[in-house]
Amino acid sequence: MALILLGCDTKKGAFLNTVESQNDLTASINKFVSALSSQGLSYFETIDHSKNAQNAGMILKPETVIVFGDPKTGTLLMQCNPSIGLDLPLRMLFTTDYTGKTTLTFTNPEYWSLKHNIKDDKCLDIIAKMKITMQTLAQEAAKK
């Protein structure tokens, strides 16, 4: 029996969304953090995986996660299903490959409706808006 995962190789329904940046990693991160307040979101934390790897005596290409969100919106989603707290607050991954290309990657919030069995229309609407917000933020940070 073959298992077929529909939507994994297309933009629609993809679990991860990636945007290529016209900026380097630092500029992309700075632009992203600056754009958060324009979307009504709060910055919570920066996790520098490369620095953590270096502290462990290892090498990792530039890789940073920005943690951010809106506690009110997150609370509404967790009222739909508490397990969505595993995916909140929101995160955006910034990486630079060995050629110098920087990308921004985030989990498509629409995936949460499957992962957390969200069927409530109000919550599905919030999730759809979150996807638009995440995409807008990534594109804003990626622009020169």
Protein backbone atom coordinates (compact mmCIF):
# COMPACT_ATOMS: atom_id res chain seq x y z
CA MET A 1 0.00 0.00 0.00
CA ALA A 2 1.41 3.37 -1.01
CA LEU A 3 1.04 6.44 1.17
CA ILE A 4 0.50 9.63 -0.79
CA LEU A 5 0.85 13.01 0.89
CA LEU A 6 -1.04 15.50 -1.22
CA GLY A 7 0.15 19.08 -1.18
CA CYS A 8 3.70 18.40 0.00
CA ASP A 9 5.36 19.42 -3.26
CA THR A 10 3.26 22.47 -4.01
CA LYS A 11 3.08 25.95 -2.54
CA LYS A 12 -0.56 25.43 -1.59
CA GLY A 13 -0.71 23.13 1.40
CA ALA A 14 3.06 23.07 1.94
CA PHE A 15 4.04 22.64 5.57
CA LEU A 16 6.92 25.13 5.28
CA ASN A 17 7.03 28.39 3.37
CA THR A 18 10.38 29.85 2.32
CA VAL A 19 11.18 33.32 0.99
CA GLU A 20 14.58 34.18 -0.51
CA SER A 21 15.99 37.43 0.84
CA GLN A 22 17.72 40.17 -1.11
CA ASN A 23 19.54 41.03 2.13
CA ASP A 24 22.14 39.31 4.24
CA LEU A 25 21.11 37.48 7.40
CA THR A 26 21.64 40.40 9.79
CA ALA A 27 19.78 42.92 7.62
CA SER A 28 16.93 40.45 7.08
CA ILE A 29 16.59 39.89 10.82
CA ASN A 30 16.73 43.61 11.60
CA LYS A 31 14.09 44.40 8.98
CA PHE A 32 11.90 41.58 10.27
CA VAL A 33 12.08 42.65 13.92
CA SER A 34 11.33 46.25 12.90
CA ALA A 35 8.28 45.12 10.91
CA LEU A 36 6.74 43.17 13.81
CA SER A 37 5.17 46.19 15.50
CA SER A 38 3.52 47.30 12.23
CA GLN A 39 1.61 44.00 12.32
CA GLY A 40 0.71 44.41 16.00
CA LEU A 41 3.10 41.65 17.05
CA SER A 42 5.60 41.45 19.90
CA TYR A 43 9.22 40.37 19.69
CA PHE A 44 10.05 37.74 22.33
CA GLU A 45 13.46 36.21 21.67
CA THR A 46 16.32 35.53 19.28
CA ILE A 47 17.87 32.06 19.17
CA ASP A 48 21.24 32.03 17.38
CA HIS A 49 21.79 28.37 16.53
CA SER A 50 25.17 29.12 14.92
CA LYS A 51 26.45 30.79 18.08
CA ASN A 52 25.13 27.91 20.19
CA ALA A 53 26.89 25.44 17.89
CA GLN A 54 30.12 27.42 18.18
CA ASN A 55 29.80 27.38 21.98
CA ALA A 56 29.53 23.59 21.72
CA GLY A 57 32.71 23.44 19.63
CA MET A 58 30.85 22.81 16.39
CA ILE A 59 30.32 24.66 13.12
CA LEU A 60 26.91 25.56 11.70
CA LYS A 61 26.14 27.88 8.83
CA PRO A 62 24.31 31.06 9.92
CA GLU A 63 20.94 30.03 11.36
CA THR A 64 18.78 32.17 13.64
CA VAL A 65 15.21 31.85 14.89
CA ILE A 66 13.15 34.89 15.86
CA VAL A 67 10.33 34.13 18.31
CA PHE A 68 7.38 36.52 18.21
CA GLY A 69 3.61 36.68 18.43
CA ASP A 70 0.43 38.16 19.81
CA PRO A 71 -0.70 36.68 23.15
CA LYS A 72 -4.35 37.57 22.49
CA THR A 73 -4.47 35.77 19.15
CA GLY A 74 -2.47 32.86 20.53
CA THR A 75 -4.87 32.53 23.45
CA LEU A 76 -7.85 32.42 21.09
CA LEU A 77 -6.20 29.57 19.17
CA MET A 78 -5.28 27.68 22.33
CA GLN A 79 -8.92 27.93 23.40
CA CYS A 80 -9.76 25.98 20.21
CA ASN A 81 -7.25 23.29 21.09
CA PRO A 82 -4.62 23.61 23.84
CA SER A 83 -2.15 21.48 21.85
CA ILE A 84 -1.58 24.40 19.46
CA GLY A 85 0.51 25.83 22.30
CA LEU A 86 3.25 23.51 21.01
CA ASP A 87 3.51 25.74 17.93
CA LEU A 88 3.16 29.08 19.67
CA PRO A 89 4.62 31.63 19.90
CA LEU A 90 5.38 32.05 16.23
CA ARG A 91 8.86 31.51 14.80
CA MET A 92 10.72 32.64 11.71
CA LEU A 93 13.93 30.85 10.70
CA PHE A 94 16.71 32.83 8.98
CA THR A 95 19.45 30.83 7.29
CA THR A 96 22.35 31.55 4.98
CA ASP A 97 23.74 28.78 2.81
CA TYR A 98 27.36 28.33 1.74
CA THR A 99 26.79 30.45 -1.39
CA GLY A 100 25.65 33.41 0.71
CA LYS A 101 21.93 33.08 -0.09
CA THR A 102 19.73 34.02 2.86
CA THR A 103 16.24 32.58 3.23
CA LEU A 104 13.38 33.04 5.69
CA THR A 105 11.31 29.96 6.51
CA PHE A 106 8.18 29.53 8.59
CA THR A 107 5.65 26.81 9.28
CA ASN A 108 2.51 27.42 7.26
CA PRO A 109 -0.12 28.12 9.96
CA GLU A 110 -2.70 26.27 7.82
CA TYR A 111 -0.81 23.08 8.73
CA TRP A 112 -1.92 23.60 12.33
CA SER A 113 -5.53 22.95 11.38
CA LEU A 114 -4.47 19.41 10.46
CA LYS A 115 -1.89 18.88 13.20
CA HIS A 116 -4.20 20.12 15.95
CA ASN A 117 -7.54 19.07 14.43
CA ILE A 118 -8.88 22.65 14.27
CA LYS A 119 -12.35 22.76 12.68
CA ASP A 120 -13.90 25.85 14.29
CA ASP A 121 -14.55 28.51 11.62
CA LYS A 122 -13.42 31.35 13.89
CA CYS A 123 -10.10 29.63 14.55
CA LEU A 124 -9.65 28.67 10.90
CA ASP A 125 -10.15 32.34 10.00
CA ILE A 126 -7.47 33.37 12.51
CA ILE A 127 -5.10 30.78 11.07
CA ALA A 128 -5.71 32.01 7.50
CA LYS A 129 -4.94 35.58 8.61
CA MET A 130 -1.80 34.39 10.38
CA LYS A 131 -0.54 32.82 7.16
CA ILE A 132 -0.99 36.14 5.34
CA THR A 133 0.76 38.01 8.15
CA MET A 134 3.69 35.58 8.20
CA GLN A 135 4.09 35.80 4.43
CA THR A 136 3.87 39.61 4.52
CA LEU A 137 6.51 39.82 7.25
CA ALA A 138 8.86 37.46 5.41
CA GLN A 139 8.49 39.37 2.14
CA GLU A 140 9.02 42.72 3.92
CA ALA A 141 12.22 41.49 5.56
CA ALA A 142 13.45 40.01 2.26
CA LYS A 143 13.12 43.25 0.27
CA LYS A 144 16.09 45.55 -0.24
